[in-house]
């Protein structure tokens, strides 16, 4: 092998060894988990709350190009995306695409 390739091979092998053990332990421990247990419900609720917080932060206090858009447009796009998500039987990709379409159209027609 070429000399320039060895660092990448090392990173790949070291990364796999460092993470695969934890993945296999998770698979083995996951077999014993009850999806209806209070702990599992709490973990799912906490993860959902964290994602909702990140989304809210991006809508209210955006950074980058999104900061140039109006708050009304960002909130409206999120609302349309959520409505499409619910109307299509909770298909996440359709909700995301609808929100993206509204946001893109709003930015286009506002001259951005």
N, C-alpha and C. Protein backbone atom coordinates (compact mmCIF):
# COMPACT_ATOMS: atom_id res chain seq x y z
N UNK A 1 0.83 -1.20 0.00
CA UNK A 1 0.00 0.00 0.00
C UNK A 1 0.87 1.25 0.00
N UNK A 2 0.33 2.29 -0.53
CA UNK A 2 1.05 3.55 -0.55
C UNK A 2 1.17 4.12 0.85
N UNK A 3 2.22 4.93 1.03
CA UNK A 3 2.45 5.52 2.35
C UNK A 3 1.32 6.45 2.79
N UNK A 4 0.72 7.17 1.87
CA UNK A 4 -0.32 8.13 2.22
C UNK A 4 -1.59 7.45 2.69
N UNK A 5 -1.77 6.16 2.37
CA UNK A 5 -3.00 5.44 2.71
C UNK A 5 -3.00 4.90 4.14
N UNK A 6 -1.82 4.64 4.71
CA UNK A 6 -1.74 4.03 6.03
C UNK A 6 -2.45 4.81 7.14
N UNK A 7 -2.34 6.14 7.20
CA UNK A 7 -3.08 6.85 8.26
C UNK A 7 -4.59 6.64 8.18
N UNK A 8 -5.12 6.55 6.97
CA UNK A 8 -6.56 6.35 6.81
C UNK A 8 -6.96 4.93 7.23
N UNK A 9 -6.13 3.96 6.91
CA UNK A 9 -6.39 2.58 7.34
C UNK A 9 -6.34 2.50 8.86
N UNK A 10 -5.36 3.16 9.47
CA UNK A 10 -5.26 3.17 10.93
C UNK A 10 -6.49 3.81 11.57
N UNK A 11 -6.93 4.93 11.04
CA UNK A 11 -8.12 5.60 11.58
C UNK A 11 -9.34 4.70 11.46
N UNK A 12 -9.49 4.05 10.32
CA UNK A 12 -10.62 3.16 10.11
C UNK A 12 -10.61 1.99 11.09
N UNK A 13 -9.47 1.34 11.25
CA UNK A 13 -9.36 0.20 12.17
C UNK A 13 -9.54 0.64 13.62
N UNK A 14 -8.88 1.73 14.00
CA UNK A 14 -8.99 2.21 15.38
C UNK A 14 -10.41 2.65 15.70
N UNK A 15 -11.05 3.31 14.76
CA UNK A 15 -12.44 3.74 14.98
C UNK A 15 -13.38 2.55 15.11
N UNK A 16 -13.19 1.54 14.29
CA UNK A 16 -14.04 0.35 14.36
C UNK A 16 -13.83 -0.38 15.68
N UNK A 17 -12.58 -0.54 16.10
CA UNK A 17 -12.32 -1.25 17.35
C UNK A 17 -12.88 -0.49 18.55
N UNK A 18 -12.81 0.83 18.51
CA UNK A 18 -13.28 1.63 19.64
C UNK A 18 -14.79 1.66 19.75
N UNK A 19 -15.50 1.55 18.63
CA UNK A 19 -16.96 1.69 18.69
C UNK A 19 -17.72 0.39 18.56
N UNK A 20 -17.17 -0.57 17.85
CA UNK A 20 -17.90 -1.82 17.63
C UNK A 20 -18.19 -2.57 18.92
N UNK A 21 -17.26 -2.53 19.88
CA UNK A 21 -17.49 -3.21 21.15
C UNK A 21 -18.75 -2.66 21.84
N UNK A 22 -18.89 -1.36 21.84
CA UNK A 22 -20.04 -0.74 22.49
C UNK A 22 -21.33 -1.03 21.73
N UNK A 23 -21.25 -1.10 20.43
CA UNK A 23 -22.43 -1.45 19.64
C UNK A 23 -22.90 -2.86 19.94
N UNK A 24 -21.97 -3.79 20.00
CA UNK A 24 -22.35 -5.18 20.30
C UNK A 24 -22.89 -5.31 21.72
N UNK A 25 -22.30 -4.57 22.65
CA UNK A 25 -22.83 -4.60 24.03
C UNK A 25 -24.25 -4.03 24.06
N UNK A 26 -24.50 -3.00 23.26
CA UNK A 26 -25.84 -2.43 23.18
C UNK A 26 -26.84 -3.41 22.59
N UNK A 27 -26.42 -4.15 21.58
CA UNK A 27 -27.30 -5.14 20.97
C UNK A 27 -27.64 -6.23 21.99
N UNK A 28 -26.64 -6.70 22.71
CA UNK A 28 -26.88 -7.75 23.70
C UNK A 28 -27.75 -7.26 24.85
N UNK A 29 -27.50 -6.05 25.32
CA UNK A 29 -28.31 -5.50 26.42
C UNK A 29 -29.71 -5.14 25.94
N UNK A 30 -29.84 -4.75 24.68
CA UNK A 30 -31.13 -4.34 24.15
C UNK A 30 -32.14 -5.46 24.06
N UNK A 31 -31.66 -6.66 23.99
CA UNK A 31 -32.58 -7.80 23.92
C UNK A 31 -33.42 -7.93 25.18
N UNK A 32 -32.88 -7.46 26.28
CA UNK A 32 -33.57 -7.60 27.57
C UNK A 32 -34.45 -6.40 27.91
N UNK A 33 -34.43 -5.37 27.08
CA UNK A 33 -35.20 -4.17 27.38
C UNK A 33 -36.67 -4.35 27.02
N UNK A 34 -37.51 -3.86 27.89
CA UNK A 34 -38.94 -3.85 27.63
C UNK A 34 -39.30 -2.46 27.11
N UNK A 35 -39.84 -2.39 25.91
CA UNK A 35 -40.16 -1.10 25.30
C UNK A 35 -41.23 -0.34 26.07
N UNK A 36 -41.98 -0.99 26.88
CA UNK A 36 -43.04 -0.35 27.65
C UNK A 36 -42.63 -0.04 29.08
N UNK A 37 -41.36 -0.23 29.42
CA UNK A 37 -40.90 0.07 30.77
C UNK A 37 -40.85 1.58 30.98
N UNK A 38 -40.94 2.00 32.22
CA UNK A 38 -40.93 3.43 32.53
C UNK A 38 -39.60 4.07 32.14
N UNK A 39 -38.51 3.35 32.31
CA UNK A 39 -37.20 3.89 31.95
C UNK A 39 -37.10 4.13 30.45
N UNK A 40 -37.55 3.18 29.66
CA UNK A 40 -37.48 3.31 28.21
C UNK A 40 -38.38 4.45 27.73
N UNK A 41 -39.55 4.57 28.30
CA UNK A 41 -40.47 5.67 27.95
C UNK A 41 -39.84 7.01 28.30
N UNK A 42 -39.16 7.09 29.45
CA UNK A 42 -38.50 8.31 29.85
C UNK A 42 -37.36 8.67 28.89
N UNK A 43 -36.58 7.67 28.46
CA UNK A 43 -35.48 7.91 27.52
C UNK A 43 -36.03 8.42 26.19
N UNK A 44 -37.10 7.82 25.68
CA UNK A 44 -37.70 8.28 24.42
C UNK A 44 -38.23 9.70 24.56
N UNK A 45 -38.87 10.01 25.69
CA UNK A 45 -39.41 11.35 25.91
C UNK A 45 -38.28 12.39 26.00
N UNK A 46 -37.20 12.03 26.66
CA UNK A 46 -36.06 12.94 26.79
C UNK A 46 -35.42 13.20 25.43
N UNK A 47 -35.25 12.16 24.63
CA UNK A 47 -34.67 12.32 23.29
C UNK A 47 -35.57 13.19 22.41
N UNK A 48 -36.87 12.98 22.51
CA UNK A 48 -37.82 13.78 21.73
C UNK A 48 -37.77 15.25 22.16
N UNK A 49 -37.68 15.48 23.47
CA UNK A 49 -37.61 16.86 23.98
C UNK A 49 -36.34 17.55 23.51
N UNK A 50 -35.23 16.83 23.47
CA UNK A 50 -33.98 17.42 23.00
C UNK A 50 -34.06 17.80 21.52
N UNK A 51 -34.64 16.93 20.71
CA UNK A 51 -34.80 17.24 19.29
C UNK A 51 -35.73 18.44 19.12
N UNK A 52 -36.82 18.48 19.87
CA UNK A 52 -37.75 19.61 19.79
C UNK A 52 -37.06 20.91 20.20
N UNK A 53 -36.20 20.85 21.20
CA UNK A 53 -35.47 22.03 21.63
C UNK A 53 -34.52 22.55 20.57
N UNK A 54 -33.84 21.64 19.90
CA UNK A 54 -32.92 22.04 18.84
C UNK A 54 -33.69 22.66 17.67
N UNK A 55 -34.82 22.06 17.31
CA UNK A 55 -35.63 22.61 16.23
C UNK A 55 -36.16 23.99 16.61
N UNK A 56 -36.65 24.14 17.83
CA UNK A 56 -37.15 25.45 18.27
C UNK A 56 -36.05 26.49 18.26
N UNK A 57 -34.85 26.10 18.68
CA UNK A 57 -33.73 27.05 18.66
C UNK A 57 -33.42 27.48 17.24
N UNK A 58 -33.47 26.57 16.29
CA UNK A 58 -33.19 26.92 14.89
C UNK A 58 -34.29 27.80 14.30
N UNK A 59 -35.51 27.66 14.79
CA UNK A 59 -36.60 28.50 14.28
C UNK A 59 -36.54 29.89 14.90
N UNK A 60 -36.32 29.98 16.20
CA UNK A 60 -36.35 31.26 16.90
C UNK A 60 -35.03 32.02 16.79
N UNK A 61 -33.90 31.30 16.95
CA UNK A 61 -32.57 31.93 16.90
C UNK A 61 -31.71 31.24 15.85
N UNK A 62 -32.03 31.42 14.57
CA UNK A 62 -31.27 30.71 13.53
C UNK A 62 -29.89 31.32 13.32
N UNK A 63 -29.08 30.56 12.64
CA UNK A 63 -27.76 31.07 12.27
C UNK A 63 -27.57 30.88 10.77
N UNK A 64 -26.57 31.54 10.23
CA UNK A 64 -26.27 31.39 8.81
C UNK A 64 -27.33 32.03 7.93
N UNK A 65 -27.59 31.36 6.81
CA UNK A 65 -28.52 31.88 5.81
C UNK A 65 -29.94 31.95 6.37
N UNK A 66 -30.29 31.02 7.22
CA UNK A 66 -31.64 30.99 7.79
C UNK A 66 -31.94 32.25 8.60
N UNK A 67 -30.92 32.88 9.14
CA UNK A 67 -31.13 34.10 9.94
C UNK A 67 -31.66 35.26 9.09
N UNK A 68 -31.46 35.19 7.77
CA UNK A 68 -31.94 36.25 6.90
C UNK A 68 -33.44 36.16 6.62
N UNK A 69 -34.05 35.04 6.95
CA UNK A 69 -35.48 34.87 6.70
C UNK A 69 -36.29 35.42 7.87
N UNK A 70 -37.54 35.74 7.59
CA UNK A 70 -38.42 36.30 8.62
C UNK A 70 -38.88 35.20 9.58
N UNK A 71 -39.11 35.58 10.82
CA UNK A 71 -39.58 34.62 11.83
C UNK A 71 -40.92 34.01 11.40
N UNK A 72 -41.78 34.83 10.84
CA UNK A 72 -43.10 34.36 10.40
C UNK A 72 -42.94 33.26 9.34
N UNK A 73 -41.99 33.43 8.44
CA UNK A 73 -41.75 32.43 7.40
C UNK A 73 -41.25 31.13 8.01
N UNK A 74 -40.31 31.21 8.96
CA UNK A 74 -39.77 30.00 9.59
C UNK A 74 -40.83 29.26 10.38
N UNK A 75 -41.63 30.00 11.15
CA UNK A 75 -42.69 29.38 11.94
C UNK A 75 -43.77 28.80 11.02
N UNK A 76 -44.11 29.54 9.97
CA UNK A 76 -45.11 29.05 9.01
C UNK A 76 -44.64 27.79 8.30
N UNK A 77 -43.38 27.74 7.90
CA UNK A 77 -42.85 26.55 7.23
C UNK A 77 -42.87 25.36 8.18
N UNK A 78 -42.51 25.57 9.43
CA UNK A 78 -42.56 24.48 10.41
C UNK A 78 -44.00 24.01 10.63
N UNK A 79 -44.94 24.94 10.69
CA UNK A 79 -46.34 24.58 10.86
C UNK A 79 -46.89 23.80 9.69
N UNK A 80 -46.56 24.24 8.47
CA UNK A 80 -47.01 23.52 7.28
C UNK A 80 -46.38 22.13 7.25
N UNK A 81 -45.12 22.05 7.56
CA UNK A 81 -44.44 20.75 7.59
C UNK A 81 -45.08 19.80 8.59
N UNK A 82 -45.43 20.31 9.76
CA UNK A 82 -46.07 19.48 10.78
C UNK A 82 -47.46 19.05 10.32
N UNK A 83 -48.21 19.95 9.71
CA UNK A 83 -49.55 19.61 9.22
C UNK A 83 -49.48 18.54 8.14
N UNK A 84 -48.51 18.66 7.23
CA UNK A 84 -48.34 17.65 6.18
C UNK A 84 -47.93 16.32 6.80
N UNK A 85 -47.05 16.37 7.78
CA UNK A 85 -46.64 15.16 8.51
C UNK A 85 -47.84 14.43 9.08
N UNK A 86 -48.72 15.15 9.73
CA UNK A 86 -49.91 14.52 10.33
C UNK A 86 -50.90 14.07 9.26
N UNK A 87 -51.07 14.87 8.21
CA UNK A 87 -52.05 14.56 7.16
C UNK A 87 -51.65 13.36 6.32
N UNK A 88 -50.37 13.07 6.24
CA UNK A 88 -49.91 11.96 5.40
C UNK A 88 -49.60 10.70 6.20
N UNK A 89 -50.21 10.58 7.36
CA UNK A 89 -49.99 9.37 8.15
C UNK A 89 -48.63 9.33 8.82
N UNK A 90 -48.14 10.46 9.25
CA UNK A 90 -46.86 10.61 9.96
C UNK A 90 -45.67 10.17 9.12
N UNK A 91 -45.68 10.59 7.86
CA UNK A 91 -44.53 10.34 6.99
C UNK A 91 -43.58 11.54 7.11
N UNK A 92 -42.48 11.32 7.79
CA UNK A 92 -41.57 12.39 8.13
C UNK A 92 -40.98 13.07 6.90
N UNK A 93 -40.60 12.30 5.91
CA UNK A 93 -39.96 12.89 4.73
C UNK A 93 -40.89 13.85 4.01
N UNK A 94 -42.18 13.55 3.98
CA UNK A 94 -43.14 14.45 3.32
C UNK A 94 -43.30 15.75 4.10
N UNK A 95 -43.30 15.66 5.42
CA UNK A 95 -43.36 16.87 6.25
C UNK A 95 -42.13 17.74 6.07
N UNK A 96 -40.96 17.10 6.01
CA UNK A 96 -39.72 17.85 5.82
C UNK A 96 -39.70 18.51 4.45
N UNK A 97 -40.10 17.78 3.43
CA UNK A 97 -40.12 18.35 2.08
C UNK A 97 -41.11 19.50 1.96
N UNK A 98 -42.27 19.37 2.62
CA UNK A 98 -43.26 20.45 2.58
C UNK A 98 -42.72 21.70 3.27
N UNK A 99 -42.10 21.54 4.43
CA UNK A 99 -41.53 22.68 5.14
C UNK A 99 -40.42 23.32 4.32
N UNK A 100 -39.60 22.50 3.69
CA UNK A 100 -38.52 23.02 2.86
C UNK A 100 -39.07 23.77 1.65
N UNK A 101 -40.14 23.25 1.06
CA UNK A 101 -40.75 23.93 -0.09
C UNK A 101 -41.31 25.29 0.30
N UNK A 102 -42.00 25.36 1.43
CA UNK A 102 -42.56 26.64 1.90
C UNK A 102 -41.44 27.63 2.22
N UNK A 103 -40.41 27.16 2.89
CA UNK A 103 -39.29 28.03 3.24
C UNK A 103 -38.57 28.52 1.98
N UNK A 104 -38.34 27.62 1.05
CA UNK A 104 -37.67 27.99 -0.21
C UNK A 104 -38.49 28.98 -1.01
N UNK A 105 -39.79 28.71 -1.13
CA UNK A 105 -40.67 29.62 -1.87
C UNK A 105 -40.73 30.99 -1.19
N UNK A 106 -40.81 31.00 0.12
CA UNK A 106 -40.83 32.27 0.84
C UNK A 106 -39.57 33.06 0.64
N UNK A 107 -38.44 32.39 0.68
CA UNK A 107 -37.17 33.09 0.45
C UNK A 107 -37.05 33.59 -0.99
N UNK A 108 -37.51 32.79 -1.93
CA UNK A 108 -37.45 33.16 -3.34
C UNK A 108 -38.31 34.40 -3.62
N UNK A 109 -39.55 34.37 -3.11
CA UNK A 109 -40.47 35.48 -3.39
C UNK A 109 -40.17 36.72 -2.56
N UNK A 110 -39.39 36.58 -1.51
CA UNK A 110 -39.00 37.76 -0.75
C UNK A 110 -37.73 38.40 -1.31
N UNK A 111 -37.19 37.80 -2.38
CA UNK A 111 -36.04 38.39 -3.04
C UNK A 111 -34.70 37.96 -2.49
N UNK A 112 -34.69 36.92 -1.70
CA UNK A 112 -33.41 36.46 -1.13
C UNK A 112 -32.57 35.77 -2.15
